[in-house]
């Protein structure tokens, strides 16, 4: 599927129900999702959410520079899962090299290999329920949920049965991925204040390369 982006239109002209093509045009650059033709604006996130997002972007970009197995995409980049299915914008996505053809200039045409959501007070039901089921059904191979409110970090892996299974921590008590070689992360770091900075992030990446 190929869709060309057009110039933004005034918000006052947005109809109640819109197509995916109209959504890309009208909400370009905004963190919004399209569900049953209706646009859902993602509310402004709290500081903890923003800081955790920033840390994960820095960590994953550094990891992918050292282990170039895929590309990191961030909201507001849409994931199109097919006609009559919701268009979602995960906080972060990773698309492996073998699926780079899915990345267009304006959206991801198909499922990400990894979708990452950081839970906010307003997104609890959506992240744990609605999106869990949607990503599972769409074939997103790993769904990472980081919940700073409850200090829960889970990685769910899509099994051959088409169902997500929670991945257990390794012997060191760290999160690992079936798709990112040597990636591991102590979940306690996610709740630290302040979060790890540049030099510590590089130390984490170096440890993953040994």
Protein backbone atom coordinates (compact mmCIF):
# COMPACT_ATOMS: atom_id res chain seq x y z
CA UNK A 1 0.00 0.00 0.00
CA UNK A 2 1.40 3.40 -1.00
CA UNK A 3 -0.09 6.64 0.30
CA UNK A 4 1.31 10.07 -0.40
CA UNK A 5 1.28 12.73 2.31
CA UNK A 6 -0.46 16.01 1.54
CA UNK A 7 -0.43 19.45 3.13
CA UNK A 8 -2.12 19.84 6.50
CA UNK A 9 -5.74 20.98 6.42
CA UNK A 10 -7.41 23.18 9.03
CA UNK A 11 -8.60 21.14 11.98
CA UNK A 12 -12.07 22.67 11.63
CA UNK A 13 -12.48 20.76 8.37
CA UNK A 14 -11.89 17.36 9.93
CA UNK A 15 -15.07 15.23 9.61
CA UNK A 16 -16.26 13.07 12.48
CA UNK A 17 -15.12 9.89 10.74
CA UNK A 18 -12.10 9.99 8.46
CA UNK A 19 -10.07 7.63 6.29
CA UNK A 20 -6.49 6.57 6.91
CA UNK A 21 -5.32 8.83 4.08
CA UNK A 22 -7.09 11.81 5.67
CA UNK A 23 -5.67 10.88 9.06
CA UNK A 24 -2.10 11.00 7.71
CA UNK A 25 -2.77 14.43 6.24
CA UNK A 26 -4.69 16.08 9.03
CA UNK A 27 -2.70 14.71 11.97
CA UNK A 28 0.80 14.68 10.53
CA UNK A 29 3.27 15.21 13.38
CA UNK A 30 0.65 14.82 16.12
CA UNK A 31 0.49 11.93 18.57
CA UNK A 32 -2.91 10.59 17.56
CA UNK A 33 -4.45 7.23 16.66
CA UNK A 34 -7.26 6.22 14.32
CA UNK A 35 -9.82 3.77 15.70
CA UNK A 36 -12.94 2.86 13.71
CA UNK A 37 -12.56 6.03 11.67
CA UNK A 38 -12.39 8.20 14.79
CA UNK A 39 -9.31 10.09 15.84
CA UNK A 40 -8.08 9.67 19.41
CA UNK A 41 -5.63 12.35 20.49
CA UNK A 42 -3.01 10.99 22.88
CA UNK A 43 -2.95 13.28 25.91
CA UNK A 44 0.21 15.14 26.90
CA UNK A 45 2.40 12.84 28.96
CA UNK A 46 3.75 13.49 32.43
CA UNK A 47 7.41 14.24 33.12
CA UNK A 48 8.20 10.69 34.24
CA UNK A 49 6.82 9.33 30.97
CA UNK A 50 8.80 11.84 28.93
CA UNK A 51 12.07 11.22 30.76
CA UNK A 52 11.70 7.44 30.48
CA UNK A 53 10.95 7.79 26.77
CA UNK A 54 14.05 9.93 26.32
CA UNK A 55 16.20 7.36 28.14
CA UNK A 56 14.87 4.47 26.07
CA UNK A 57 15.46 6.36 22.83
CA UNK A 58 19.07 7.05 23.80
CA UNK A 59 19.61 3.47 24.97
CA UNK A 60 18.05 1.81 21.93
CA UNK A 61 19.72 4.14 19.44
CA UNK A 62 23.09 3.38 21.04
CA UNK A 63 22.30 -0.34 21.01
CA UNK A 64 21.30 -0.29 17.33
CA UNK A 65 24.44 1.63 16.44
CA UNK A 66 26.52 -1.11 18.08
CA UNK A 67 24.23 -3.90 16.83
CA UNK A 68 22.74 -2.66 13.53
CA UNK A 69 19.88 -5.15 13.33
CA UNK A 70 17.04 -2.71 12.76
CA UNK A 71 15.66 0.81 12.96
CA UNK A 72 14.04 2.67 15.85
CA UNK A 73 10.86 4.65 15.15
CA UNK A 74 9.20 6.98 17.63
CA UNK A 75 5.73 8.50 18.03
CA UNK A 76 4.18 10.15 16.14
CA UNK A 77 4.92 7.59 13.41
CA UNK A 78 1.87 5.50 12.61
CA UNK A 79 1.66 1.73 12.34
CA UNK A 80 -0.93 0.76 9.71
CA UNK A 81 -2.25 -2.75 10.33
CA UNK A 82 -4.77 -3.02 7.53
CA UNK A 83 -8.16 -1.76 6.45
CA UNK A 84 -10.80 -1.67 9.18
CA UNK A 85 -8.12 -2.08 11.86
CA UNK A 86 -6.93 0.62 14.28
CA UNK A 87 -3.94 2.73 13.29
CA UNK A 88 -1.71 2.96 16.34
CA UNK A 89 1.31 5.05 17.27
CA UNK A 90 3.36 3.11 19.83
CA UNK A 91 5.69 5.23 21.93
CA UNK A 92 8.59 3.40 20.29
CA UNK A 93 8.91 0.74 17.59
CA UNK A 94 11.77 -1.33 16.24
CA UNK A 95 11.67 -2.68 12.70
CA UNK A 96 14.29 -5.30 11.89
CA UNK A 97 16.44 -5.05 8.78
CA UNK A 98 14.54 -7.77 6.95
CA UNK A 99 11.35 -5.72 7.24
CA UNK A 100 12.71 -2.28 6.30
CA UNK A 101 10.53 -2.27 3.16
CA UNK A 102 7.54 -1.76 5.47
CA UNK A 103 8.78 1.73 6.38
CA UNK A 104 7.34 4.43 4.11
CA UNK A 105 7.97 8.16 4.38
CA UNK A 106 4.86 8.70 6.52
CA UNK A 107 3.90 5.42 8.22
CA UNK A 108 4.83 1.80 8.89
CA UNK A 109 2.97 -0.46 6.44
CA UNK A 110 2.44 -3.50 8.66
CA UNK A 111 3.39 -4.69 12.11
CA UNK A 112 6.53 -3.56 13.89
CA UNK A 113 8.79 -6.33 15.14
CA UNK A 114 8.85 -4.67 18.58
CA UNK A 115 6.25 -2.23 19.93
CA UNK A 116 7.02 -0.40 23.16
CA UNK A 117 4.45 1.41 25.29
CA UNK A 118 5.15 3.46 28.40
CA UNK A 119 2.08 3.46 30.60
CA UNK A 120 0.55 6.77 31.67
CA UNK A 121 -2.36 7.23 34.09
CA UNK A 122 -4.76 7.70 31.16
CA UNK A 123 -3.42 4.80 29.10
CA UNK A 124 -3.57 1.89 31.58
CA UNK A 125 -6.58 0.13 30.05
CA UNK A 126 -5.45 0.86 26.51
CA UNK A 127 -1.86 -0.37 26.96
CA UNK A 128 -2.63 -3.46 29.03
CA UNK A 129 -5.87 -4.40 27.30
CA UNK A 130 -6.81 -2.96 23.92
CA UNK A 131 -3.33 -2.60 22.47
CA UNK A 132 -2.17 -5.90 23.94
CA UNK A 133 -4.90 -7.71 22.00
CA UNK A 134 -4.41 -5.65 18.85
CA UNK A 135 -0.64 -6.09 18.71
CA UNK A 136 -0.99 -9.80 19.42
CA UNK A 137 -3.55 -10.22 16.63
CA UNK A 138 -1.50 -8.10 14.19
CA UNK A 139 1.64 -10.19 14.66
CA UNK A 140 3.84 -7.73 16.55
CA UNK A 141 6.53 -10.17 17.62
CA UNK A 142 7.42 -8.52 20.93
CA UNK A 143 5.37 -6.11 23.02
CA UNK A 144 7.30 -4.28 25.72
CA UNK A 145 5.25 -2.59 28.45
CA UNK A 146 7.01 -0.27 30.88
CA UNK A 147 4.79 0.94 33.71
CA UNK A 148 6.47 3.59 35.90
CA UNK A 149 3.30 3.94 37.98
CA UNK A 150 3.59 0.37 39.27
CA UNK A 151 7.28 -0.10 38.45
CA UNK A 152 6.50 -3.07 36.21
CA UNK A 153 8.54 -3.90 33.11
CA UNK A 154 7.39 -6.81 30.96
CA UNK A 155 8.36 -8.17 27.57
CA UNK A 156 5.72 -10.31 25.88
CA UNK A 157 6.82 -12.60 23.05
CA UNK A 158 4.46 -13.85 20.37
CA UNK A 159 4.47 -17.64 20.40
CA UNK A 160 3.87 -20.08 17.56
CA UNK A 161 0.33 -20.35 18.92
CA UNK A 162 -0.24 -16.67 18.07
CA UNK A 163 -0.49 -15.73 21.75
CA UNK A 164 1.78 -13.48 23.81
CA UNK A 165 3.85 -15.13 26.51
CA UNK A 166 5.59 -13.09 29.19
CA UNK A 167 9.36 -13.49 28.92
CA UNK A 168 11.01 -14.30 32.22
CA UNK A 169 14.04 -12.40 33.46
CA UNK A 170 17.43 -14.00 32.88
CA UNK A 171 19.67 -15.37 35.64
CA UNK A 172 20.89 -11.84 36.37
CA UNK A 173 17.35 -10.57 36.79
CA UNK A 174 17.53 -8.60 33.54
CA UNK A 175 15.11 -8.11 30.68
CA UNK A 176 16.16 -9.76 27.41
CA UNK A 177 14.77 -9.90 23.89
CA UNK A 178 14.40 -12.76 21.42
CA UNK A 179 15.01 -10.29 18.58
CA UNK A 180 17.86 -8.08 19.83
CA UNK A 181 21.10 -10.08 20.24
CA UNK A 182 22.86 -9.59 23.59
CA UNK A 183 20.36 -6.94 24.70
CA UNK A 184 19.72 -6.99 28.41
CA UNK A 185 18.51 -4.37 30.83
CA UNK A 186 18.18 -4.29 34.59
CA UNK A 187 14.55 -3.16 35.06
CA UNK A 188 15.50 -1.32 38.26
CA UNK A 189 17.29 1.25 36.09
CA UNK A 190 13.97 2.27 34.57
CA UNK A 191 12.68 3.61 37.89
CA UNK A 192 15.85 5.34 39.01
CA UNK A 193 15.89 9.08 39.57
CA UNK A 194 17.78 10.39 37.77
CA UNK A 195 17.80 7.91 34.92
CA UNK A 196 21.17 6.82 33.51
CA UNK A 197 22.91 9.46 31.42
CA UNK A 198 25.24 9.36 28.45
CA UNK A 199 28.34 7.78 29.97
CA UNK A 200 26.36 5.15 31.88
CA UNK A 201 24.33 4.32 28.78
CA UNK A 202 27.56 3.73 26.88
CA UNK A 203 28.75 1.43 29.67
CA UNK A 204 25.51 -0.53 29.38
CA UNK A 205 25.98 -0.89 25.63
CA UNK A 206 29.60 -1.95 26.03
CA UNK A 207 28.49 -4.64 28.48
CA UNK A 208 26.06 -5.94 25.84
CA UNK A 209 28.91 -6.24 23.35
CA UNK A 210 31.15 -8.47 25.43
